[in-house]
Amino acid sequence: MLGLISKDDSVRALGCMGVSAVCEFGAADPELVMLRSKVGPRLFRRLVERIREGQACGEVDLAIDAREAAAFLQMTMQGIQLGARAGGDAKSLGALARFAIDRFRSR
């Protein structure tokens, strides 16, 4: 998640094209809806896989439901990208990312 946060203010302010498109058009543009329906599930599956890999090696708490955690991560990533577009500084956005990831750690 920290990789989403550019240190360059001008790059960070651009945000994410996908998140920006959702903010601008919502579900009103059929082409964007189709693109999201292709990309979203792939990202979700990969996040679930990575969480389960983390659980298998003891880095991620076994009590966490991998699918719920993946949904949480997707929403957090979108929030970080929206925060960047709104002018959030790298330090604050990084703190948010670290806070979210810390919730997953094995205790």
Protein backbone atom coordinates (compact mmCIF):
# COMPACT_ATOMS: atom_id res chain seq x y z
CA MET A 1 0.00 0.00 0.00
CA LEU A 2 2.89 2.34 0.60
CA GLY A 3 3.74 1.91 -3.08
CA LEU A 4 0.54 3.78 -3.96
CA ILE A 5 1.92 6.95 -2.38
CA SER A 6 4.24 8.99 -4.55
CA LYS A 7 6.74 11.21 -2.76
CA ASP A 8 6.36 13.71 -5.63
CA ASP A 9 3.56 16.17 -4.76
CA SER A 10 2.63 16.79 -8.40
CA VAL A 11 2.39 13.08 -9.20
CA ARG A 12 0.50 12.27 -6.00
CA ALA A 13 -2.02 15.05 -6.72
CA LEU A 14 -3.02 13.27 -9.94
CA GLY A 15 -4.50 10.44 -7.90
CA CYS A 16 -5.63 7.28 -9.63
CA MET A 17 -7.40 7.36 -12.98
CA GLY A 18 -9.72 4.51 -11.96
CA VAL A 19 -10.74 6.12 -8.68
CA SER A 20 -11.14 9.49 -10.38
CA ALA A 21 -13.36 7.94 -13.06
CA VAL A 22 -15.59 6.38 -10.40
CA CYS A 23 -15.83 9.71 -8.59
CA GLU A 24 -16.72 11.51 -11.80
CA PHE A 25 -19.04 9.01 -13.49
CA GLY A 26 -20.07 6.49 -10.83
CA ALA A 27 -21.97 3.72 -12.58
CA ALA A 28 -23.38 5.99 -15.32
CA ASP A 29 -20.80 5.07 -17.97
CA PRO A 30 -21.31 1.48 -19.22
CA GLU A 31 -17.75 1.23 -20.58
CA LEU A 32 -16.24 2.15 -17.21
CA VAL A 33 -18.56 -0.28 -15.45
CA MET A 34 -17.40 -3.02 -17.82
CA LEU A 35 -13.73 -2.20 -17.21
CA ARG A 36 -14.23 -2.20 -13.43
CA SER A 37 -16.05 -5.53 -13.65
CA LYS A 38 -12.96 -7.02 -15.32
CA VAL A 39 -10.24 -5.46 -13.16
CA GLY A 40 -11.93 -5.38 -9.74
CA PRO A 41 -12.37 -9.14 -9.29
CA ARG A 42 -8.79 -9.84 -10.44
CA LEU A 43 -7.38 -7.41 -7.91
CA PHE A 44 -9.65 -8.83 -5.22
CA ARG A 45 -8.56 -12.42 -5.93
CA ARG A 46 -4.90 -11.44 -5.84
CA LEU A 47 -5.32 -9.61 -2.54
CA VAL A 48 -7.04 -12.69 -1.06
CA GLU A 49 -4.15 -14.85 -2.28
CA ARG A 50 -1.52 -12.53 -0.78
CA ILE A 51 -3.36 -12.37 2.56
CA ARG A 52 -3.55 -16.16 2.68
CA GLU A 53 0.16 -16.36 1.83
CA GLY A 54 0.83 -14.00 4.73
CA GLN A 55 -1.27 -16.18 7.01
CA ALA A 56 0.59 -19.31 5.90
CA CYS A 57 3.96 -17.78 6.77
CA GLY A 58 2.77 -16.32 10.08
CA GLU A 59 2.82 -12.64 9.13
CA VAL A 60 -0.96 -12.16 8.97
CA ASP A 61 -3.30 -13.07 11.82
CA LEU A 62 -5.05 -16.39 11.14
CA ALA A 63 -8.25 -15.07 12.76
CA ILE A 64 -8.69 -12.60 9.89
CA ASP A 65 -11.08 -13.61 7.12
CA ALA A 66 -9.03 -13.21 3.93
CA ARG A 67 -11.98 -12.12 1.78
CA GLU A 68 -13.12 -9.49 4.28
CA ALA A 69 -9.55 -8.28 4.63
CA ALA A 70 -9.17 -8.00 0.85
CA ALA A 71 -12.34 -5.91 0.63
CA PHE A 72 -11.01 -3.70 3.43
CA LEU A 73 -7.69 -3.30 1.63
CA GLN A 74 -9.38 -2.37 -1.64
CA MET A 75 -11.45 0.31 0.08
CA THR A 76 -8.40 1.59 1.97
CA MET A 77 -6.39 1.77 -1.24
CA GLN A 78 -9.19 3.76 -2.88
CA GLY A 79 -9.34 6.06 0.12
CA ILE A 80 -5.59 6.67 -0.03
CA GLN A 81 -5.80 7.44 -3.73
CA LEU A 82 -8.72 9.81 -3.18
CA GLY A 83 -6.84 11.44 -0.30
CA ALA A 84 -3.85 11.95 -2.59
CA ARG A 85 -6.07 13.59 -5.19
CA ALA A 86 -7.45 15.87 -2.46
CA GLY A 87 -3.94 17.05 -1.64
CA GLY A 88 -3.00 14.70 1.19
CA ASP A 89 0.70 14.73 1.99
CA ALA A 90 2.83 11.61 1.66
CA LYS A 91 3.53 11.40 5.40
CA SER A 92 -0.17 11.39 6.37
CA LEU A 93 -1.15 8.95 3.65
CA GLY A 94 1.74 6.68 4.60
CA ALA A 95 0.59 6.72 8.23
CA LEU A 96 -2.87 5.63 7.10
CA ALA A 97 -1.41 2.77 5.03
CA ARG A 98 0.78 1.61 7.93
CA PHE A 99 -2.19 1.78 10.33
CA ALA A 100 -4.28 -0.41 8.01
CA ILE A 101 -1.51 -2.97 7.50
CA ASP A 102 -0.78 -3.14 11.23
CA ARG A 103 -4.34 -4.41 11.80
CA PHE A 104 -3.40 -7.58 9.90
CA ARG A 105 -0.26 -8.52 11.82
CA SER A 106 -0.14 -11.75 13.80
CA ARG A 107 -0.34 -11.08 17.51
